[in-house]
Amino acid sequence: MKQLLVVAIALIASTSIFSQKTMTAEQMNTFTKGAFEAADFDQYIGSDGHTYKVGDTLKIGRPSNNKTFSFIQDYTGVAGALAGTPMTYTAAGSSGSNTIIKRIYAQGTKRAGFQIYIIGKGLCGLCPNYLINFEEAIAVNELKSLGMNKENAIAKLKEQKELLDMGMITQEQFEKIKSELAPLIMKN
């Protein structure tokens, strides 16, 4: 038991050693640490272009299968792991609820790669928190994106073009918006 506690403390200590301020989806492609090491971040700029920060509120979407979420788990933390409480996938009843970001971190191995995870506040004070595989949950709409995807960016650009044609905005305003949306539209 003492050995298990020492290992848990070492893991927690190692995560704070690698603390950085910001991580982007593009940087995740080249991110590496040792096996089982994690790195904490204050904010993460997702593949949707939005900056997610500790303290932000996220909306949980629908599970990718009928009964449970595939990329959102109930998380009891280190205490639950030490007590032998297994992690379970979050039930469909959490659809539509909000969660507040408590922690953002990257974890994985050099061989399998690293991914961004978010710990989100549970539904109530006694409820388990959420462990969210962030990019995967966004990709299958288990988590609602706060950013813009390619289709949203195209629709916004078309809307702005109509406003330009009606004389509601200037050419300079349109060009500024176009330059902001171009990376999202041109992304594969």
Protein backbone atom coordinates (compact mmCIF):
# COMPACT_ATOMS: atom_id res chain seq x y z
CA MET A 1 0.00 0.00 0.00
CA LYS A 2 2.83 2.38 0.87
CA GLN A 3 4.50 1.64 -2.48
CA LEU A 4 1.26 2.41 -4.32
CA LEU A 5 0.96 5.71 -2.45
CA VAL A 6 4.57 6.62 -3.31
CA VAL A 7 3.92 5.87 -7.01
CA ALA A 8 0.73 8.00 -6.96
CA ILE A 9 2.57 10.93 -5.35
CA ALA A 10 5.39 10.60 -7.92
CA LEU A 11 2.88 10.69 -10.79
CA ILE A 12 1.17 13.78 -9.38
CA ALA A 13 4.52 15.50 -8.85
CA SER A 14 5.66 14.67 -12.39
CA THR A 15 2.58 16.32 -13.90
CA SER A 16 3.29 19.63 -12.19
CA ILE A 17 6.95 19.59 -13.28
CA PHE A 18 5.90 19.70 -16.93
CA SER A 19 3.35 22.49 -16.51
CA GLN A 20 3.10 24.86 -19.47
CA LYS A 21 0.72 27.66 -20.24
CA THR A 22 -0.71 26.97 -23.71
CA MET A 23 -0.89 23.97 -26.04
CA THR A 24 -2.31 23.93 -29.57
CA ALA A 25 -3.76 21.06 -31.62
CA GLU A 26 -0.88 21.49 -34.09
CA GLN A 27 1.74 21.22 -31.34
CA MET A 28 0.18 17.93 -30.19
CA ASN A 29 1.47 16.29 -33.39
CA THR A 30 5.06 16.72 -32.19
CA PHE A 31 4.50 16.61 -28.42
CA THR A 32 6.53 13.96 -26.57
CA LYS A 33 7.27 13.06 -22.98
CA GLY A 34 8.34 9.82 -21.34
CA ALA A 35 5.96 6.93 -20.82
CA PHE A 36 3.05 7.74 -18.52
CA GLU A 37 4.14 11.36 -18.10
CA ALA A 38 1.54 14.08 -18.37
CA ALA A 39 1.82 17.82 -18.92
CA ASP A 40 -0.70 20.35 -17.61
CA PHE A 41 -1.83 23.46 -19.48
CA ASP A 42 -3.80 26.56 -18.58
CA GLN A 43 -5.37 26.69 -22.02
CA TYR A 44 -5.69 24.61 -25.17
CA ILE A 45 -6.32 25.88 -28.69
CA GLY A 46 -8.35 23.08 -30.24
CA SER A 47 -8.48 21.91 -33.84
CA ASP A 48 -11.70 23.97 -34.10
CA GLY A 49 -9.63 27.14 -33.53
CA HIS A 50 -11.24 28.00 -30.17
CA THR A 51 -9.19 28.59 -27.03
CA TYR A 52 -10.43 26.46 -24.13
CA LYS A 53 -9.31 27.61 -20.67
CA VAL A 54 -9.46 26.22 -17.16
CA GLY A 55 -12.72 27.59 -15.72
CA ASP A 56 -14.61 27.62 -19.06
CA THR A 57 -17.99 25.93 -19.30
CA LEU A 58 -18.50 23.14 -21.84
CA LYS A 59 -21.78 21.59 -22.99
CA ILE A 60 -22.00 17.81 -23.14
CA GLY A 61 -23.64 16.59 -26.34
CA ARG A 62 -25.11 13.20 -27.20
CA PRO A 63 -23.38 9.86 -26.69
CA SER A 64 -21.93 8.31 -29.84
CA ASN A 65 -23.73 5.06 -29.01
CA ASN A 66 -27.20 4.75 -27.48
CA LYS A 67 -26.42 4.15 -23.81
CA THR A 68 -23.02 5.57 -22.92
CA PHE A 69 -20.46 8.06 -24.13
CA SER A 70 -17.36 6.64 -25.84
CA PHE A 71 -14.95 9.49 -25.02
CA ILE A 72 -16.34 10.82 -21.72
CA GLN A 73 -15.82 8.78 -18.55
CA ASP A 74 -16.83 9.20 -14.93
CA TYR A 75 -13.62 10.10 -13.12
CA THR A 76 -13.11 9.50 -9.41
CA GLY A 77 -9.50 10.68 -9.38
CA VAL A 78 -6.48 9.27 -7.59
CA ALA A 79 -8.55 8.46 -4.48
CA GLY A 80 -10.90 6.32 -6.58
CA ALA A 81 -7.99 4.57 -8.28
CA LEU A 82 -6.36 3.79 -4.94
CA ALA A 83 -9.69 2.49 -3.64
CA GLY A 84 -10.01 0.25 -6.70
CA THR A 85 -13.04 2.06 -8.14
CA PRO A 86 -13.15 1.28 -11.88
CA MET A 87 -13.65 4.06 -14.41
CA THR A 88 -16.94 3.81 -16.28
CA TYR A 89 -18.18 5.52 -19.40
CA THR A 90 -20.65 8.30 -18.67
CA ALA A 91 -24.32 7.39 -19.09
CA ALA A 92 -26.55 9.05 -21.69
CA GLY A 93 -28.40 10.91 -18.91
CA SER A 94 -25.59 13.50 -18.84
CA SER A 95 -26.53 14.71 -22.35
CA GLY A 96 -27.21 18.43 -22.43
CA SER A 97 -25.56 19.15 -19.09
CA ASN A 98 -22.71 21.60 -18.55
CA THR A 99 -19.29 20.94 -17.08
CA ILE A 100 -16.61 23.38 -15.96
CA ILE A 101 -13.02 22.71 -17.03
CA LYS A 102 -10.95 21.94 -13.93
CA ARG A 103 -7.80 20.63 -15.62
CA ILE A 104 -6.34 20.39 -19.14
CA TYR A 105 -3.50 17.98 -19.77
CA ALA A 106 -1.77 15.89 -22.41
CA GLN A 107 -1.04 12.26 -21.66
CA GLY A 108 0.06 9.18 -23.54
CA THR A 109 3.20 7.40 -24.62
CA LYS A 110 5.80 8.08 -27.29
CA ARG A 111 4.72 4.97 -29.18
CA ALA A 112 0.94 5.46 -29.06
CA GLY A 113 1.07 9.25 -29.12
CA PHE A 114 -0.31 11.89 -26.80
CA GLN A 115 -3.82 13.27 -26.55
CA ILE A 116 -5.46 16.18 -24.76
CA TYR A 117 -7.69 15.31 -21.83
CA ILE A 118 -9.97 17.55 -19.82
CA ILE A 119 -11.19 16.95 -16.29
CA GLY A 120 -14.63 18.53 -16.02
CA LYS A 121 -16.72 19.14 -12.91
CA GLY A 122 -19.44 16.52 -12.32
CA LEU A 123 -23.17 17.24 -12.18
CA CYS A 124 -23.20 17.69 -8.39
CA GLY A 125 -20.77 18.00 -5.52
CA LEU A 126 -20.94 14.28 -4.75
CA CYS A 127 -21.00 13.15 -8.39
CA PRO A 128 -17.81 11.99 -10.10
CA ASN A 129 -16.00 14.39 -12.38
CA TYR A 130 -15.72 13.79 -16.11
CA LEU A 131 -12.57 12.59 -17.87
CA ILE A 132 -12.89 13.75 -21.47
CA ASN A 133 -10.72 12.66 -24.41
CA PHE A 134 -11.15 16.15 -25.82
CA GLU A 135 -10.51 16.04 -29.59
CA GLU A 136 -12.24 12.68 -29.99
CA ALA A 137 -15.29 13.87 -28.02
CA ILE A 138 -15.50 17.02 -30.17
CA ALA A 139 -15.13 14.99 -33.39
CA VAL A 140 -18.16 12.78 -32.63
CA ASN A 141 -20.23 15.60 -31.01
CA GLU A 142 -20.14 14.08 -27.54
CA LEU A 143 -18.87 17.52 -26.54
CA LYS A 144 -20.17 20.69 -28.19
CA SER A 145 -17.42 22.67 -29.88
CA LEU A 146 -17.15 26.34 -28.95
CA GLY A 147 -15.16 26.99 -32.09
CA MET A 148 -16.03 27.03 -35.74
CA ASN A 149 -15.77 24.12 -38.13
CA LYS A 150 -15.23 24.42 -41.90
CA GLU A 151 -18.96 24.49 -42.71
CA ASN A 152 -19.65 27.21 -40.11
CA ALA A 153 -16.76 29.30 -41.45
CA ILE A 154 -18.04 29.02 -45.06
CA ALA A 155 -21.55 30.01 -43.96
CA LYS A 156 -20.21 33.01 -42.04
CA LEU A 157 -18.09 34.12 -45.01
CA LYS A 158 -21.12 33.90 -47.34
CA GLU A 159 -23.15 35.92 -44.84
CA GLN A 160 -20.44 38.58 -44.68
CA LYS A 161 -20.27 38.69 -48.50
CA GLU A 162 -24.02 39.37 -48.60
CA LEU A 163 -23.54 42.18 -46.07
CA LEU A 164 -20.74 43.59 -48.24
CA ASP A 165 -22.96 43.43 -51.35
CA MET A 166 -25.75 45.26 -49.48
CA GLY A 167 -23.32 47.96 -48.37
CA MET A 168 -23.68 47.07 -44.69
CA ILE A 169 -19.92 46.53 -44.19
CA THR A 170 -16.86 47.92 -45.96
CA GLN A 171 -14.47 46.01 -48.22
CA GLU A 172 -11.79 46.35 -45.52
CA GLN A 173 -14.08 44.78 -42.89
CA PHE A 174 -14.91 41.93 -45.28
CA GLU A 175 -11.22 41.29 -46.08
CA LYS A 176 -10.39 41.18 -42.37
CA ILE A 177 -13.09 38.59 -41.68
CA LYS A 178 -12.09 36.64 -44.81
CA SER A 179 -8.45 36.45 -43.65
CA GLU A 180 -9.57 35.21 -40.20
CA LEU A 181 -11.82 32.50 -41.68
CA ALA A 182 -9.48 31.36 -44.48
CA PRO A 183 -7.38 29.00 -42.29
CA LEU A 184 -10.51 27.20 -41.09
CA ILE A 185 -11.94 26.92 -44.60
CA MET A 186 -8.69 25.76 -46.21
CA LYS A 187 -7.88 23.21 -43.48
CA ASN A 188 -8.19 19.60 -44.70
